[in-house]
Amino acid sequence: WEQHKLGEVVSVFDGTHQTPNYKTKGIMFLSVENINTLLSNKYISENEYRQRFKIKPQYLDVFMTRIGTIGKTNVITTHKPIAYYVSLALLRPQNIQSFFLSFIIQTSKVQQDIWKRTLQIAFPQKINKDEIGKVTLALPLQKEQIDIEKLLLKLDKLITLQQRK
């Protein structure tokens, strides 16, 4: 495995800094509290979406929380447009598998590096967008990433099934 900075294997973006005009339908709008499900009952208009989001989330991009709760991730598994608030960082994988990225960010070593880069005197706590790219990861070759990703996804499904019993 080789050491890399997160910014070497993903592009990092953040969401809108202004609170939008919420609508009853339109483009779903996510923030930090939606990280577990990537679902929300808040929406913005398509016009506002086009104006505010030059970088639009894509299928298999990864959201990471960056304000309040820091370092939680989830992979986008829809092709529908999504709008998002500044409390989420959008990680666009370039040389890394999406689910592997999400899993490795959750490891204690990466979480410690994220914590080290967090503005702990801020309230709520946050990590600046530029600091996210400096987080260190140990990465295997793509083939091994795919194998690990498949195994961890299977384990995740088994855990979910067990929890439902």
Protein backbone atom coordinates (compact mmCIF):
# COMPACT_ATOMS: atom_id res chain seq x y z
CA TRP A 1 0.00 0.00 0.00
CA GLU A 2 1.21 3.52 -0.77
CA GLN A 3 0.67 6.78 1.13
CA HIS A 4 -1.34 9.43 -0.71
CA LYS A 5 -2.97 12.72 0.11
CA LEU A 6 -6.72 12.63 -0.37
CA GLY A 7 -6.39 15.51 -2.84
CA GLU A 8 -4.27 13.27 -5.10
CA VAL A 9 -7.13 10.79 -5.62
CA VAL A 10 -10.24 12.99 -5.40
CA SER A 11 -11.38 16.49 -6.24
CA VAL A 12 -12.91 18.25 -3.23
CA PHE A 13 -15.88 20.64 -3.51
CA ASP A 14 -18.27 22.17 -1.03
CA GLY A 15 -21.93 23.07 -1.28
CA THR A 16 -23.73 26.37 -1.27
CA HIS A 17 -22.92 28.78 1.55
CA GLN A 18 -26.35 30.46 1.44
CA THR A 19 -29.53 29.00 2.85
CA PRO A 20 -31.73 28.38 -0.20
CA ASN A 21 -35.41 29.11 -0.74
CA TYR A 22 -36.92 25.74 0.09
CA LYS A 23 -39.74 24.36 -2.06
CA THR A 24 -42.18 21.47 -1.64
CA LYS A 25 -40.73 19.74 -4.72
CA GLY A 26 -37.82 20.11 -7.10
CA ILE A 27 -34.17 19.18 -6.55
CA MET A 28 -33.54 17.42 -3.23
CA PHE A 29 -31.36 19.49 -0.88
CA LEU A 30 -29.03 17.69 1.55
CA SER A 31 -27.02 18.79 4.56
CA VAL A 32 -25.00 17.12 7.32
CA GLU A 33 -28.07 15.61 9.03
CA ASN A 34 -28.90 13.66 5.84
CA ILE A 35 -25.56 11.83 5.56
CA ASN A 36 -26.85 8.40 6.62
CA THR A 37 -29.65 8.13 4.06
CA LEU A 38 -28.88 10.88 1.53
CA LEU A 39 -32.61 11.61 1.63
CA SER A 40 -34.34 14.85 2.58
CA ASN A 41 -37.76 16.48 2.49
CA LYS A 42 -36.17 19.82 1.55
CA TYR A 43 -36.05 20.86 -2.09
CA ILE A 44 -34.92 23.80 -4.20
CA SER A 45 -36.08 24.93 -7.63
CA GLU A 46 -34.32 23.74 -10.76
CA ASN A 47 -33.50 27.36 -11.57
CA GLU A 48 -31.79 27.89 -8.19
CA TYR A 49 -29.94 24.59 -8.67
CA ARG A 50 -28.59 25.68 -12.06
CA GLN A 51 -27.51 29.07 -10.67
CA ARG A 52 -25.85 27.89 -7.45
CA PHE A 53 -24.24 24.59 -8.43
CA LYS A 54 -21.48 24.70 -11.01
CA ILE A 55 -20.19 21.36 -9.69
CA LYS A 56 -23.13 18.97 -9.51
CA PRO A 57 -22.97 15.71 -7.53
CA GLN A 58 -22.70 12.65 -9.75
CA TYR A 59 -23.36 8.94 -9.39
CA LEU A 60 -20.61 7.37 -7.21
CA ASP A 61 -19.32 10.70 -5.86
CA VAL A 62 -18.88 10.62 -2.08
CA PHE A 63 -20.30 13.07 0.43
CA MET A 64 -18.31 13.68 3.62
CA THR A 65 -19.55 15.73 6.56
CA ARG A 66 -17.32 18.71 7.34
CA ILE A 67 -19.23 20.83 9.87
CA GLY A 68 -20.53 19.64 13.23
CA THR A 69 -20.16 15.91 12.78
CA ILE A 70 -16.95 15.56 10.80
CA GLY A 71 -15.71 12.72 8.60
CA LYS A 72 -18.87 10.65 8.08
CA THR A 73 -19.31 9.53 4.48
CA ASN A 74 -21.86 8.14 2.08
CA VAL A 75 -21.68 7.23 -1.61
CA ILE A 76 -24.20 8.71 -4.04
CA THR A 77 -26.05 5.81 -5.67
CA THR A 78 -28.61 7.77 -7.67
CA HIS A 79 -28.46 9.54 -11.01
CA LYS A 80 -30.98 12.16 -9.85
CA PRO A 81 -29.72 15.71 -9.32
CA ILE A 82 -28.84 16.59 -5.71
CA ALA A 83 -28.20 19.99 -4.15
CA TYR A 84 -26.14 20.26 -0.97
CA TYR A 85 -25.16 22.67 1.77
CA VAL A 86 -21.64 23.77 2.75
CA SER A 87 -21.73 21.32 5.69
CA LEU A 88 -21.03 18.52 3.19
CA ALA A 89 -17.88 18.11 1.13
CA LEU A 90 -18.28 16.47 -2.26
CA LEU A 91 -15.42 14.08 -3.04
CA ARG A 92 -15.15 13.19 -6.72
CA PRO A 93 -12.99 10.04 -7.04
CA GLN A 94 -10.33 10.06 -9.74
CA ASN A 95 -7.97 7.19 -8.96
CA ILE A 96 -9.87 5.40 -6.21
CA GLN A 97 -12.99 3.25 -5.93
CA SER A 98 -15.93 5.14 -4.40
CA PHE A 99 -17.02 2.62 -1.78
CA PHE A 100 -13.42 1.82 -0.87
CA LEU A 101 -12.87 5.56 -0.36
CA SER A 102 -15.91 5.79 1.89
CA PHE A 103 -14.75 2.78 3.93
CA ILE A 104 -11.14 3.94 4.29
CA ILE A 105 -12.19 7.40 5.47
CA GLN A 106 -14.01 5.65 8.34
CA THR A 107 -10.82 3.92 9.56
CA SER A 108 -9.35 5.17 12.83
CA LYS A 109 -6.10 6.27 11.18
CA VAL A 110 -7.85 8.49 8.63
CA GLN A 111 -10.32 9.76 11.23
CA GLN A 112 -7.36 10.78 13.44
CA ASP A 113 -5.83 12.72 10.55
CA ILE A 114 -9.17 14.42 9.87
CA TRP A 115 -9.48 15.29 13.58
CA LYS A 116 -5.94 16.74 13.55
CA ARG A 117 -6.96 19.09 10.71
CA THR A 118 -10.27 20.12 12.29
CA LEU A 119 -10.81 23.62 13.65
CA GLN A 120 -11.61 22.49 17.15
CA ILE A 121 -12.04 26.00 18.55
CA ALA A 122 -14.79 26.75 16.04
CA PHE A 123 -18.39 26.16 17.03
CA PRO A 124 -19.63 24.05 15.50
CA GLN A 125 -16.34 22.28 14.78
CA LYS A 126 -15.37 22.10 11.13
CA ILE A 127 -12.68 21.10 8.71
CA ASN A 128 -11.87 23.59 5.96
CA LYS A 129 -12.28 22.35 2.41
CA ASP A 130 -8.57 22.82 1.63
CA GLU A 131 -7.56 20.73 4.66
CA ILE A 132 -9.60 17.77 3.42
CA GLY A 133 -7.24 17.30 0.47
CA LYS A 134 -4.27 17.09 2.86
CA VAL A 135 -5.63 14.06 4.74
CA THR A 136 -3.30 11.05 4.36
CA LEU A 137 -4.52 7.66 3.09
CA ALA A 138 -2.74 4.34 2.58
CA LEU A 139 -4.01 2.88 -0.69
CA PRO A 140 -3.57 -0.46 -2.46
CA LEU A 141 -3.67 -0.94 -6.23
CA GLN A 142 -7.06 -0.53 -7.97
CA LYS A 143 -7.61 -4.31 -8.27
CA GLU A 144 -7.15 -4.77 -4.53
CA GLN A 145 -9.41 -1.77 -3.84
CA ILE A 146 -12.15 -3.45 -5.87
CA ASP A 147 -11.72 -6.75 -4.01
CA ILE A 148 -11.76 -5.05 -0.59
CA GLU A 149 -14.71 -2.90 -1.61
CA LYS A 150 -16.73 -5.98 -2.67
CA LEU A 151 -15.94 -7.79 0.57
CA LEU A 152 -16.84 -4.80 2.77
CA LEU A 153 -20.09 -4.21 0.86
CA LYS A 154 -21.05 -7.87 1.43
CA LEU A 155 -20.25 -7.52 5.14
CA ASP A 156 -22.31 -4.33 5.31
CA LYS A 157 -25.30 -6.17 3.80
CA LEU A 158 -24.91 -9.07 6.23
CA ILE A 159 -24.76 -6.70 9.20
CA THR A 160 -27.88 -4.89 7.97
CA LEU A 161 -29.73 -8.20 7.57
CA GLN A 162 -28.69 -9.30 11.07
CA GLN A 163 -29.84 -6.00 12.57
CA ARG A 164 -33.28 -6.44 11.00
CA LYS A 165 -33.81 -9.80 12.75
